[in-house]
N, C-alpha and C. Protein backbone atom coordinates (compact mmCIF):
# COMPACT_ATOMS: atom_id res chain seq x y z
N MET A 1 -51.91 -229.80 48.14
CA MET A 1 -51.24 -229.34 49.33
C MET A 1 -51.60 -227.90 49.62
N VAL A 2 -51.79 -227.10 48.56
CA VAL A 2 -52.13 -225.69 48.74
C VAL A 2 -53.51 -225.56 49.37
N ILE A 3 -54.42 -226.43 48.98
CA ILE A 3 -55.78 -226.38 49.54
C ILE A 3 -55.74 -226.83 51.03
N LYS A 4 -54.94 -227.83 51.31
CA LYS A 4 -54.88 -228.33 52.67
C LYS A 4 -54.11 -227.41 53.61
N ASN A 5 -52.95 -226.93 53.16
CA ASN A 5 -52.06 -226.17 54.04
C ASN A 5 -52.14 -224.65 53.89
N GLY A 6 -52.78 -224.19 52.87
CA GLY A 6 -52.87 -222.76 52.64
C GLY A 6 -51.86 -222.32 51.60
N PRO A 7 -51.94 -221.05 51.17
CA PRO A 7 -51.05 -220.59 50.12
C PRO A 7 -49.59 -220.46 50.55
N LEU A 8 -48.72 -220.59 49.59
CA LEU A 8 -47.30 -220.43 49.84
C LEU A 8 -46.99 -218.93 49.67
N ILE A 9 -46.63 -218.26 50.73
CA ILE A 9 -46.41 -216.82 50.70
C ILE A 9 -44.91 -216.54 50.74
N PRO A 10 -44.37 -215.81 49.73
CA PRO A 10 -42.95 -215.50 49.73
C PRO A 10 -42.55 -214.62 50.92
N VAL A 11 -41.57 -215.08 51.66
CA VAL A 11 -41.07 -214.33 52.83
C VAL A 11 -39.54 -214.20 52.74
N ARG A 12 -39.06 -213.25 53.48
CA ARG A 12 -37.62 -213.10 53.59
C ARG A 12 -37.28 -213.04 55.09
N ILE A 13 -36.05 -213.40 55.38
CA ILE A 13 -35.61 -213.45 56.80
C ILE A 13 -34.80 -212.16 57.06
N LYS A 14 -35.23 -211.42 58.08
CA LYS A 14 -34.56 -210.20 58.43
C LYS A 14 -33.27 -210.52 59.21
N GLU A 15 -32.46 -209.54 59.45
CA GLU A 15 -31.17 -209.74 60.17
C GLU A 15 -31.40 -210.27 61.60
N ASP A 16 -32.50 -209.89 62.21
CA ASP A 16 -32.76 -210.36 63.57
C ASP A 16 -33.40 -211.76 63.63
N GLY A 17 -33.58 -212.36 62.47
CA GLY A 17 -34.09 -213.76 62.44
C GLY A 17 -35.58 -213.86 62.21
N THR A 18 -36.30 -212.75 62.23
CA THR A 18 -37.75 -212.81 61.97
C THR A 18 -38.03 -212.86 60.48
N THR A 19 -39.23 -213.38 60.15
CA THR A 19 -39.61 -213.43 58.74
C THR A 19 -40.68 -212.40 58.46
N VAL A 20 -40.62 -211.78 57.28
CA VAL A 20 -41.62 -210.83 56.83
C VAL A 20 -41.97 -211.13 55.40
N LYS A 21 -43.18 -210.74 55.00
CA LYS A 21 -43.60 -210.95 53.62
C LYS A 21 -42.72 -210.12 52.69
N LYS A 22 -42.43 -210.71 51.56
CA LYS A 22 -41.68 -209.97 50.57
C LYS A 22 -42.59 -208.98 49.85
N LYS A 23 -42.03 -207.87 49.43
CA LYS A 23 -42.77 -206.92 48.56
C LYS A 23 -42.69 -207.46 47.15
N PRO A 24 -43.70 -207.15 46.32
CA PRO A 24 -43.69 -207.68 44.91
C PRO A 24 -42.39 -207.39 44.16
N GLU A 25 -41.75 -206.30 44.38
CA GLU A 25 -40.49 -206.00 43.67
C GLU A 25 -39.38 -206.91 44.13
N GLU A 26 -39.51 -207.60 45.27
CA GLU A 26 -38.46 -208.50 45.78
C GLU A 26 -38.65 -209.93 45.31
N PHE A 27 -39.79 -210.24 44.62
CA PHE A 27 -40.07 -211.60 44.20
C PHE A 27 -39.02 -212.08 43.19
N ASN A 28 -38.68 -213.36 43.33
CA ASN A 28 -37.84 -214.01 42.28
C ASN A 28 -38.70 -215.06 41.56
N SER A 29 -38.12 -215.76 40.61
CA SER A 29 -38.90 -216.73 39.82
C SER A 29 -39.49 -217.85 40.69
N ASN A 30 -38.78 -218.28 41.72
CA ASN A 30 -39.28 -219.32 42.63
C ASN A 30 -40.52 -218.81 43.41
N ASP A 31 -40.49 -217.54 43.81
CA ASP A 31 -41.63 -216.96 44.53
C ASP A 31 -42.86 -216.93 43.63
N PHE A 32 -42.69 -216.57 42.36
CA PHE A 32 -43.82 -216.56 41.44
C PHE A 32 -44.38 -217.95 41.23
N LYS A 33 -43.51 -218.97 41.16
CA LYS A 33 -43.98 -220.35 41.00
C LYS A 33 -44.78 -220.78 42.24
N MET A 34 -44.34 -220.39 43.45
CA MET A 34 -45.09 -220.74 44.66
C MET A 34 -46.48 -220.10 44.65
N MET A 35 -46.54 -218.86 44.25
CA MET A 35 -47.83 -218.16 44.23
C MET A 35 -48.74 -218.66 43.11
N GLU A 36 -48.16 -219.13 42.02
CA GLU A 36 -48.91 -219.65 40.92
C GLU A 36 -49.69 -220.89 41.30
N LYS A 37 -49.18 -221.69 42.21
CA LYS A 37 -49.86 -222.91 42.66
C LYS A 37 -51.21 -222.56 43.31
N ASN A 38 -51.25 -221.54 44.12
CA ASN A 38 -52.50 -221.11 44.75
C ASN A 38 -53.48 -220.59 43.71
N ALA A 39 -52.96 -219.81 42.76
CA ALA A 39 -53.84 -219.27 41.70
C ALA A 39 -54.43 -220.40 40.84
N LYS A 40 -53.65 -221.44 40.53
CA LYS A 40 -54.14 -222.56 39.74
C LYS A 40 -55.21 -223.32 40.54
N ALA A 41 -54.97 -223.53 41.82
CA ALA A 41 -55.93 -224.26 42.65
C ALA A 41 -57.24 -223.48 42.74
N LYS A 42 -57.17 -222.17 42.92
CA LYS A 42 -58.35 -221.34 42.98
C LYS A 42 -59.11 -221.43 41.66
N LYS A 43 -58.44 -221.35 40.55
CA LYS A 43 -59.06 -221.38 39.24
C LYS A 43 -59.75 -222.71 39.00
N LEU A 44 -59.10 -223.79 39.33
CA LEU A 44 -59.69 -225.10 39.14
C LEU A 44 -60.95 -225.31 39.95
N MET A 45 -60.93 -224.82 41.17
CA MET A 45 -62.12 -224.97 42.02
C MET A 45 -63.26 -224.08 41.51
N CYS A 46 -62.94 -222.88 41.04
CA CYS A 46 -64.00 -221.99 40.56
C CYS A 46 -64.65 -222.47 39.27
N PHE A 47 -63.94 -223.21 38.45
CA PHE A 47 -64.51 -223.74 37.20
C PHE A 47 -65.72 -224.63 37.42
N GLY A 48 -65.75 -225.34 38.52
CA GLY A 48 -66.82 -226.26 38.79
C GLY A 48 -67.97 -225.69 39.59
N LEU A 49 -67.97 -224.42 39.84
CA LEU A 49 -68.99 -223.83 40.67
C LEU A 49 -70.05 -223.11 39.88
N GLY A 50 -71.29 -223.15 40.38
CA GLY A 50 -72.38 -222.42 39.78
C GLY A 50 -72.38 -220.98 40.32
N PRO A 51 -73.30 -220.17 39.82
CA PRO A 51 -73.32 -218.75 40.23
C PRO A 51 -73.54 -218.53 41.73
N ASN A 52 -74.34 -219.38 42.37
CA ASN A 52 -74.60 -219.22 43.80
C ASN A 52 -73.34 -219.46 44.62
N GLU A 53 -72.62 -220.52 44.30
CA GLU A 53 -71.40 -220.83 44.99
C GLU A 53 -70.32 -219.80 44.68
N HIS A 54 -70.28 -219.36 43.45
CA HIS A 54 -69.27 -218.37 43.08
C HIS A 54 -69.43 -217.11 43.89
N THR A 55 -70.67 -216.68 44.10
CA THR A 55 -70.92 -215.51 44.93
C THR A 55 -70.47 -215.74 46.35
N ARG A 56 -70.66 -216.95 46.82
CA ARG A 56 -70.32 -217.31 48.22
C ARG A 56 -68.81 -217.21 48.45
N ILE A 57 -68.01 -217.55 47.46
CA ILE A 57 -66.56 -217.60 47.65
C ILE A 57 -65.80 -216.40 47.02
N SER A 58 -66.53 -215.43 46.57
CA SER A 58 -65.89 -214.33 45.85
C SER A 58 -64.94 -213.52 46.74
N GLU A 59 -65.13 -213.53 48.03
CA GLU A 59 -64.29 -212.79 48.94
C GLU A 59 -63.05 -213.58 49.42
N CYS A 60 -63.01 -214.86 49.10
CA CYS A 60 -61.89 -215.72 49.56
C CYS A 60 -60.62 -215.39 48.81
N GLU A 61 -59.50 -215.34 49.54
CA GLU A 61 -58.23 -214.96 48.95
C GLU A 61 -57.36 -216.18 48.57
N SER A 62 -57.59 -217.32 49.18
CA SER A 62 -56.78 -218.49 48.87
C SER A 62 -57.65 -219.70 48.56
N ALA A 63 -57.02 -220.69 47.97
CA ALA A 63 -57.72 -221.92 47.65
C ALA A 63 -58.21 -222.60 48.94
N LYS A 64 -57.43 -222.49 49.99
CA LYS A 64 -57.81 -223.09 51.27
C LYS A 64 -59.07 -222.40 51.82
N ASP A 65 -59.13 -221.07 51.71
CA ASP A 65 -60.33 -220.32 52.16
C ASP A 65 -61.58 -220.74 51.33
N ILE A 66 -61.40 -220.92 50.06
CA ILE A 66 -62.52 -221.36 49.22
C ILE A 66 -63.00 -222.74 49.63
N TRP A 67 -62.08 -223.64 49.84
CA TRP A 67 -62.43 -225.01 50.24
C TRP A 67 -63.15 -225.02 51.56
N GLU A 68 -62.69 -224.25 52.55
CA GLU A 68 -63.33 -224.23 53.87
C GLU A 68 -64.74 -223.60 53.78
N ALA A 69 -64.90 -222.54 52.97
CA ALA A 69 -66.17 -221.91 52.80
C ALA A 69 -67.20 -222.90 52.18
N LEU A 70 -66.75 -223.63 51.17
CA LEU A 70 -67.63 -224.59 50.52
C LEU A 70 -67.98 -225.73 51.46
N GLN A 71 -67.03 -226.19 52.26
CA GLN A 71 -67.30 -227.28 53.22
C GLN A 71 -68.35 -226.84 54.22
N VAL A 72 -68.22 -225.66 54.77
CA VAL A 72 -69.19 -225.20 55.76
C VAL A 72 -70.53 -225.02 55.12
N ALA A 73 -70.60 -224.50 53.88
CA ALA A 73 -71.88 -224.26 53.20
C ALA A 73 -72.60 -225.58 52.87
N HIS A 74 -71.85 -226.59 52.47
CA HIS A 74 -72.52 -227.81 52.03
C HIS A 74 -72.55 -228.91 53.09
N GLU A 75 -71.62 -228.93 54.00
CA GLU A 75 -71.63 -229.96 55.03
C GLU A 75 -72.03 -229.40 56.38
N GLY A 76 -71.71 -228.17 56.62
CA GLY A 76 -71.94 -227.54 57.91
C GLY A 76 -70.75 -227.75 58.82
N THR A 77 -70.81 -227.14 59.96
CA THR A 77 -69.72 -227.32 60.92
C THR A 77 -69.85 -228.70 61.58
N ASN A 78 -68.90 -229.09 62.36
CA ASN A 78 -68.93 -230.39 63.03
C ASN A 78 -70.19 -230.51 63.89
N GLN A 79 -70.54 -229.42 64.53
CA GLN A 79 -71.74 -229.44 65.39
C GLN A 79 -73.00 -229.66 64.58
N VAL A 80 -73.11 -229.03 63.40
CA VAL A 80 -74.25 -229.22 62.53
C VAL A 80 -74.29 -230.65 62.02
N LYS A 81 -73.16 -231.20 61.62
CA LYS A 81 -73.08 -232.56 61.12
C LYS A 81 -73.55 -233.56 62.20
N GLN A 82 -73.09 -233.34 63.44
CA GLN A 82 -73.48 -234.23 64.54
C GLN A 82 -74.96 -234.12 64.79
N SER A 83 -75.53 -232.91 64.72
CA SER A 83 -76.98 -232.76 64.90
C SER A 83 -77.75 -233.48 63.82
N ARG A 84 -77.29 -233.43 62.58
CA ARG A 84 -77.95 -234.12 61.48
C ARG A 84 -77.92 -235.62 61.70
N ILE A 85 -76.80 -236.14 62.13
CA ILE A 85 -76.66 -237.57 62.38
C ILE A 85 -77.63 -238.00 63.46
N GLU A 86 -77.71 -237.22 64.55
CA GLU A 86 -78.65 -237.55 65.63
C GLU A 86 -80.07 -237.52 65.17
N LEU A 87 -80.42 -236.50 64.35
CA LEU A 87 -81.78 -236.41 63.83
C LEU A 87 -82.13 -237.62 62.96
N LEU A 88 -81.25 -238.01 62.09
CA LEU A 88 -81.48 -239.15 61.21
C LEU A 88 -81.57 -240.45 62.02
N MET A 89 -80.75 -240.59 63.05
CA MET A 89 -80.84 -241.79 63.91
C MET A 89 -82.19 -241.83 64.60
N ARG A 90 -82.65 -240.70 65.07
CA ARG A 90 -83.94 -240.64 65.74
C ARG A 90 -85.09 -241.02 64.78
N LYS A 91 -85.01 -240.47 63.54
CA LYS A 91 -86.04 -240.83 62.54
C LYS A 91 -86.03 -242.32 62.24
N TYR A 92 -84.83 -242.87 62.16
CA TYR A 92 -84.72 -244.32 61.90
C TYR A 92 -85.34 -245.10 63.05
N GLU A 93 -85.03 -244.70 64.28
CA GLU A 93 -85.54 -245.43 65.46
C GLU A 93 -87.08 -245.33 65.53
N LEU A 94 -87.69 -244.25 65.06
CA LEU A 94 -89.11 -244.07 65.13
C LEU A 94 -89.84 -244.67 63.91
N PHE A 95 -89.08 -245.11 62.93
CA PHE A 95 -89.67 -245.67 61.72
C PHE A 95 -90.26 -247.03 62.06
N GLU A 96 -91.56 -247.19 61.81
CA GLU A 96 -92.19 -248.48 62.09
C GLU A 96 -93.27 -248.77 61.07
N MET A 97 -93.66 -250.03 61.03
CA MET A 97 -94.66 -250.44 60.09
C MET A 97 -96.07 -250.12 60.63
N GLY A 98 -96.91 -249.58 59.73
CA GLY A 98 -98.31 -249.27 60.15
C GLY A 98 -99.11 -250.54 60.27
N ASP A 99 -100.31 -250.44 60.85
CA ASP A 99 -101.17 -251.60 61.11
C ASP A 99 -101.57 -252.36 59.84
N HIS A 100 -101.92 -251.65 58.79
CA HIS A 100 -102.44 -252.29 57.59
C HIS A 100 -101.44 -252.19 56.44
N LYS A 101 -100.17 -252.23 56.77
CA LYS A 101 -99.14 -252.15 55.74
C LYS A 101 -98.46 -253.52 55.57
N THR A 102 -98.00 -253.76 54.38
CA THR A 102 -97.28 -255.02 54.14
C THR A 102 -95.78 -254.73 54.31
N ALA A 103 -95.01 -255.77 54.37
CA ALA A 103 -93.56 -255.62 54.52
C ALA A 103 -92.98 -254.91 53.29
N MET A 104 -93.53 -255.23 52.11
CA MET A 104 -93.07 -254.56 50.90
C MET A 104 -93.37 -253.08 50.90
N ASP A 105 -94.58 -252.67 51.42
CA ASP A 105 -94.90 -251.27 51.56
C ASP A 105 -93.92 -250.56 52.46
N MET A 106 -93.58 -251.22 53.57
CA MET A 106 -92.63 -250.58 54.51
C MET A 106 -91.26 -250.48 53.89
N TYR A 107 -90.84 -251.49 53.19
CA TYR A 107 -89.53 -251.45 52.53
C TYR A 107 -89.45 -250.34 51.52
N THR A 108 -90.48 -250.18 50.72
CA THR A 108 -90.55 -249.11 49.73
C THR A 108 -90.54 -247.77 50.40
N ARG A 109 -91.29 -247.62 51.48
CA ARG A 109 -91.33 -246.36 52.21
C ARG A 109 -89.96 -246.03 52.82
N LEU A 110 -89.28 -247.06 53.29
CA LEU A 110 -87.96 -246.81 53.89
C LEU A 110 -86.97 -246.35 52.81
N LEU A 111 -87.05 -246.92 51.60
CA LEU A 111 -86.11 -246.53 50.54
C LEU A 111 -86.42 -245.15 49.93
N THR A 112 -87.69 -244.77 49.98
CA THR A 112 -88.09 -243.53 49.28
C THR A 112 -88.28 -242.34 50.25
N GLN A 113 -88.35 -242.60 51.55
CA GLN A 113 -88.60 -241.51 52.49
C GLN A 113 -87.44 -240.57 52.54
N LYS A 114 -87.78 -239.27 52.53
CA LYS A 114 -86.73 -238.24 52.67
C LYS A 114 -86.32 -238.17 54.15
N MET A 115 -85.04 -238.33 54.39
CA MET A 115 -84.60 -238.34 55.77
C MET A 115 -84.09 -236.98 56.21
N SER A 116 -83.90 -236.04 55.30
CA SER A 116 -83.37 -234.74 55.73
C SER A 116 -84.44 -233.68 55.62
């Protein structure tokens, strides 16, 4: 939930009804437990990363920020994903059997051809 919704930030309600972040000296045990969830999620995600990815996410402050940075880096934005899909569809549509090729040659080429 921390990765999906963002970190749980301890807040207090002022007399006028607005909420403000608590100062560290105002934290209670429940506030520390809430913040610990984000720290655990960040730590778990960092354990599985190599040096390149770790450098990429070093500026992220929350588990949600790390997740979003990794998604963009590895999957791209929605626009990039759509462009990749269209490119692969076009390559598939243009894929055809050569004049002196057998069906087995074409099948092998289809399975082994790099599409990206």
